Amino acid sequence: MYAVTHFSVGLMLGQAVGNPYVACASGLISHIVLDSIPHSDYGKTAQGVLDFAAVLTVACIAIRQGAGLSGLLGGFTGILPDLEVAIAHLRMTKEKGMHKHRLRFPSHSGLIRHGRLRVPWGVATQIATVFVVWAVLRDAWL
């Protein structure tokens, strides 16, 4: 999934639980759950930069709307596992793809199934997922 999807769901979960420690755990667990939902990913550095810009935009909007520490921690721990994917991608680009880097997070290593779906359906799945989580959790912070 895109980082902005992981961040948004982690943010909503963290805001709903209101506890920084539980928010961090929720963000990490949500990453595994979201990766199991069929979705599309990208593989180009420019797309990753745009995705990161989207995360920063959502974070700034959330802060302006009064998101607390728990929400922000949930969001950032929700995207934390993708840091290993970004580093591996950058290293492969730098090394011309000669070495396969081993990923360790369960939904990246193959330990837990990682759902795949082509664009545009994989993007639509992510948008729908964010809206479903929002609909379920919106009363927790309103």
C-alpha atoms as a PDB file:
ATOM      1  CA  MET A   1       0.000   0.000   0.000  1.00  0.00           C
ATOM      2  CA  TYR A   2       1.013   3.570  -0.403  1.00  0.00           C
ATOM      3  CA  ALA A   3       2.568   5.218   2.640  1.00  0.00           C
ATOM      4  CA  VAL A   4      -0.228   7.793   2.720  1.00  0.00           C
ATOM      5  CA  THR A   5      -2.742   4.958   3.154  1.00  0.00           C
ATOM      6  CA  HIS A   6      -0.716   3.373   5.965  1.00  0.00           C
ATOM      7  CA  PHE A   7      -0.236   6.773   7.597  1.00  0.00           C
ATOM      8  CA  SER A   8      -3.912   7.748   7.363  1.00  0.00           C
ATOM      9  CA  VAL A   9      -5.162   4.496   8.866  1.00  0.00           C
ATOM     10  CA  GLY A  10      -2.487   4.537  11.588  1.00  0.00           C
ATOM     11  CA  LEU A  11      -3.374   8.158  12.361  1.00  0.00           C
ATOM     12  CA  MET A  12      -7.058   7.350  12.743  1.00  0.00           C
ATOM     13  CA  LEU A  13      -6.359   4.301  14.911  1.00  0.00           C
ATOM     14  CA  GLY A  14      -3.898   6.188  17.092  1.00  0.00           C
ATOM     15  CA  GLN A  15      -6.311   9.073  17.520  1.00  0.00           C
ATOM     16  CA  ALA A  16      -9.105   6.653  18.412  1.00  0.00           C
ATOM     17  CA  VAL A  17      -7.127   4.761  21.075  1.00  0.00           C
ATOM     18  CA  GLY A  18      -5.645   7.915  22.608  1.00  0.00           C
ATOM     19  CA  ASN A  19      -2.698   6.109  24.188  1.00  0.00           C
ATOM     20  CA  PRO A  20       0.750   6.622  22.621  1.00  0.00           C
ATOM     21  CA  TYR A  21       1.954   3.083  23.340  1.00  0.00           C
ATOM     22  CA  VAL A  22      -1.179   1.422  22.028  1.00  0.00           C
ATOM     23  CA  ALA A  23      -1.109   3.819  19.063  1.00  0.00           C
ATOM     24  CA  CYS A  24       2.384   2.632  18.113  1.00  0.00           C
ATOM     25  CA  ALA A  25       1.333  -1.007  18.329  1.00  0.00           C
ATOM     26  CA  SER A  26      -1.842  -0.240  16.362  1.00  0.00           C
ATOM     27  CA  GLY A  27       0.162   1.445  13.612  1.00  0.00           C
ATOM     28  CA  LEU A  28       2.469  -1.552  13.206  1.00  0.00           C
ATOM     29  CA  ILE A  29      -0.358  -4.088  13.332  1.00  0.00           C
ATOM     30  CA  SER A  30      -2.415  -2.055  10.864  1.00  0.00           C
ATOM     31  CA  HIS A  31       0.508  -2.192   8.423  1.00  0.00           C
ATOM     32  CA  ILE A  32       0.320  -5.991   8.372  1.00  0.00           C
ATOM     33  CA  VAL A  33      -3.470  -6.000   8.016  1.00  0.00           C
ATOM     34  CA  LEU A  34      -3.424  -3.406   5.229  1.00  0.00           C
ATOM     35  CA  ASP A  35      -0.677  -5.234   3.330  1.00  0.00           C
ATOM     36  CA  SER A  36      -2.839  -8.364   3.287  1.00  0.00           C
ATOM     37  CA  ILE A  37      -5.632  -6.497   1.458  1.00  0.00           C
ATOM     38  CA  PRO A  38      -5.110  -6.699  -2.316  1.00  0.00           C
ATOM     39  CA  HIS A  39      -3.664  -3.374  -3.500  1.00  0.00           C
ATOM     40  CA  SER A  40      -1.209  -1.891  -5.962  1.00  0.00           C
ATOM     41  CA  ASP A  41       2.271  -0.663  -5.095  1.00  0.00           C
ATOM     42  CA  TYR A  42       4.715   1.449  -7.042  1.00  0.00           C
ATOM     43  CA  GLY A  43       8.373   0.925  -7.778  1.00  0.00           C
ATOM     44  CA  LYS A  44       9.739   4.246  -8.976  1.00  0.00           C
ATOM     45  CA  THR A  45      11.587   6.691  -6.758  1.00  0.00           C
ATOM     46  CA  ALA A  46       9.574   9.674  -8.032  1.00  0.00           C
ATOM     47  CA  GLN A  47       6.339   7.976  -7.004  1.00  0.00           C
ATOM     48  CA  GLY A  48       7.797   7.368  -3.545  1.00  0.00           C
ATOM     49  CA  VAL A  49       8.723  11.030  -3.220  1.00  0.00           C
ATOM     50  CA  LEU A  50       5.163  12.059  -4.152  1.00  0.00           C
ATOM     51  CA  ASP A  51       3.772   9.535  -1.683  1.00  0.00           C
ATOM     52  CA  PHE A  52       5.992  10.916   1.084  1.00  0.00           C
ATOM     53  CA  ALA A  53       4.836  14.453   0.202  1.00  0.00           C
ATOM     54  CA  ALA A  54       1.250  13.219   0.546  1.00  0.00           C
ATOM     55  CA  VAL A  55       2.088  11.821   4.009  1.00  0.00           C
ATOM     56  CA  LEU A  56       3.534  15.174   5.077  1.00  0.00           C
ATOM     57  CA  THR A  57       0.453  16.956   3.720  1.00  0.00           C
ATOM     58  CA  VAL A  58      -1.925  14.679   5.641  1.00  0.00           C
ATOM     59  CA  ALA A  59       0.217  15.079   8.777  1.00  0.00           C
ATOM     60  CA  CYS A  60       0.124  18.881   8.515  1.00  0.00           C
ATOM     61  CA  ILE A  61      -3.640  18.878   7.981  1.00  0.00           C
ATOM     62  CA  ALA A  62      -4.081  16.498  10.921  1.00  0.00           C
ATOM     63  CA  ILE A  63      -1.989  18.724  13.185  1.00  0.00           C
ATOM     64  CA  ARG A  64      -3.968  21.801  12.143  1.00  0.00           C
ATOM     65  CA  GLN A  65      -7.189  19.901  12.881  1.00  0.00           C
ATOM     66  CA  GLY A  66      -5.991  19.019  16.369  1.00  0.00           C
ATOM     67  CA  ALA A  67      -4.603  15.507  16.013  1.00  0.00           C
ATOM     68  CA  GLY A  68      -2.825  14.480  19.178  1.00  0.00           C
ATOM     69  CA  LEU A  69       0.449  12.720  19.814  1.00  0.00           C
ATOM     70  CA  SER A  70      -1.223   9.308  19.766  1.00  0.00           C
ATOM     71  CA  GLY A  71      -2.658   9.898  16.313  1.00  0.00           C
ATOM     72  CA  LEU A  72       0.640  11.080  14.894  1.00  0.00           C
ATOM     73  CA  LEU A  73       2.555   8.196  16.478  1.00  0.00           C
ATOM     74  CA  GLY A  74       0.030   5.723  15.069  1.00  0.00           C
ATOM     75  CA  GLY A  75       0.446   7.260  11.632  1.00  0.00           C
ATOM     76  CA  PHE A  76       4.220   7.311  11.650  1.00  0.00           C
ATOM     77  CA  THR A  77       4.565   3.778  13.038  1.00  0.00           C
ATOM     78  CA  GLY A  78       2.081   2.717  10.357  1.00  0.00           C
ATOM     79  CA  ILE A  79       4.581   3.740   7.669  1.00  0.00           C
ATOM     80  CA  LEU A  80       7.728   2.748   9.545  1.00  0.00           C
ATOM     81  CA  PRO A  81       7.923  -0.792   8.072  1.00  0.00           C
ATOM     82  CA  ASP A  82       8.023   0.650   4.553  1.00  0.00           C
ATOM     83  CA  LEU A  83      11.307   2.328   5.396  1.00  0.00           C
ATOM     84  CA  GLU A  84      13.035  -1.012   4.803  1.00  0.00           C
ATOM     85  CA  VAL A  85      11.396  -1.235   1.370  1.00  0.00           C
ATOM     86  CA  ALA A  86      12.498   2.305   0.479  1.00  0.00           C
ATOM     87  CA  ILE A  87      16.068   1.625   1.603  1.00  0.00           C
ATOM     88  CA  ALA A  88      16.189  -1.636  -0.353  1.00  0.00           C
ATOM     89  CA  HIS A  89      14.827   0.135  -3.445  1.00  0.00           C
ATOM     90  CA  LEU A  90      17.397   2.914  -3.196  1.00  0.00           C
ATOM     91  CA  ARG A  91      20.226   0.432  -2.636  1.00  0.00           C
ATOM     92  CA  MET A  92      19.148  -1.672  -5.626  1.00  0.00           C
ATOM     93  CA  THR A  93      18.984   1.442  -7.786  1.00  0.00           C
ATOM     94  CA  LYS A  94      22.430   2.493  -6.627  1.00  0.00           C
ATOM     95  CA  GLU A  95      23.859  -1.004  -7.094  1.00  0.00           C
ATOM     96  CA  LYS A  96      22.048  -1.544 -10.423  1.00  0.00           C
ATOM     97  CA  GLY A  97      19.833  -4.294  -9.014  1.00  0.00           C
ATOM     98  CA  MET A  98      22.635  -6.836  -8.690  1.00  0.00           C
ATOM     99  CA  HIS A  99      21.799  -7.851  -5.115  1.00  0.00           C
ATOM    100  CA  LYS A 100      18.466  -8.884  -3.725  1.00  0.00           C
ATOM    101  CA  HIS A 101      17.990  -7.313  -0.312  1.00  0.00           C
ATOM    102  CA  ARG A 102      16.284  -9.366   2.346  1.00  0.00           C
ATOM    103  CA  LEU A 103      13.220  -7.711   3.863  1.00  0.00           C
ATOM    104  CA  ARG A 104      12.367  -8.539   7.471  1.00  0.00           C
ATOM    105  CA  PHE A 105       8.910  -7.137   8.232  1.00  0.00           C
ATOM    106  CA  PRO A 106       6.398 -10.047   8.154  1.00  0.00           C
ATOM    107  CA  SER A 107       4.242  -8.721   5.308  1.00  0.00           C
ATOM    108  CA  HIS A 108       7.343  -7.818   3.272  1.00  0.00           C
ATOM    109  CA  SER A 109       9.399 -10.969   3.858  1.00  0.00           C
ATOM    110  CA  GLY A 110       6.681 -13.371   2.697  1.00  0.00           C
ATOM    111  CA  LEU A 111       5.927 -14.667   6.199  1.00  0.00           C
ATOM    112  CA  ILE A 112       2.464 -13.075   5.937  1.00  0.00           C
ATOM    113  CA  ARG A 113       0.676 -12.865   2.583  1.00  0.00           C
ATOM    114  CA  HIS A 114       1.013  -9.528   0.766  1.00  0.00           C
ATOM    115  CA  GLY A 115      -2.053  -8.856  -1.432  1.00  0.00           C
ATOM    116  CA  ARG A 116      -1.514  -7.595  -4.988  1.00  0.00           C
ATOM    117  CA  LEU A 117      -3.939  -5.899  -7.376  1.00  0.00           C
ATOM    118  CA  ARG A 118      -3.334  -3.903 -10.551  1.00  0.00           C
ATOM    119  CA  VAL A 119      -4.010  -0.199 -11.027  1.00  0.00           C
ATOM    120  CA  PRO A 120      -6.654   1.275 -10.970  1.00  0.00           C
ATOM    121  CA  TRP A 121      -8.362  -1.352  -8.786  1.00  0.00           C
ATOM    122  CA  GLY A 122      -5.456  -1.501  -6.354  1.00  0.00           C
ATOM    123  CA  VAL A 123      -5.669   2.264  -5.820  1.00  0.00           C
ATOM    124  CA  ALA A 124      -9.461   2.126  -5.475  1.00  0.00           C
ATOM    125  CA  THR A 125      -9.044  -0.556  -2.797  1.00  0.00           C
ATOM    126  CA  GLN A 126      -6.763   1.761  -0.803  1.00  0.00           C
ATOM    127  CA  ILE A 127      -9.156   4.706  -1.060  1.00  0.00           C
ATOM    128  CA  ALA A 128     -12.059   2.496  -0.011  1.00  0.00           C
ATOM    129  CA  THR A 129     -10.046   1.129   2.918  1.00  0.00           C
ATOM    130  CA  VAL A 130      -9.303   4.626   4.253  1.00  0.00           C
ATOM    131  CA  PHE A 131     -12.982   5.592   3.977  1.00  0.00           C
ATOM    132  CA  VAL A 132     -14.157   2.407   5.708  1.00  0.00           C
ATOM    133  CA  VAL A 133     -11.725   2.927   8.603  1.00  0.00           C
ATOM    134  CA  TRP A 134     -12.797   6.575   8.829  1.00  0.00           C
ATOM    135  CA  ALA A 135     -16.492   5.594   8.874  1.00  0.00           C
ATOM    136  CA  VAL A 136     -15.906   3.031  11.617  1.00  0.00           C
ATOM    137  CA  LEU A 137     -13.692   5.240  13.798  1.00  0.00           C
ATOM    138  CA  ARG A 138     -15.047   8.762  13.207  1.00  0.00           C
ATOM    139  CA  ASP A 139     -17.206   8.691  16.337  1.00  0.00           C
ATOM    140  CA  ALA A 140     -14.145   7.902  18.452  1.00  0.00           C
ATOM    141  CA  TRP A 141     -12.773  11.433  18.038  1.00  0.00           C
ATOM    142  CA  LEU A 142     -15.782  13.542  17.109  1.00  0.00           C
END
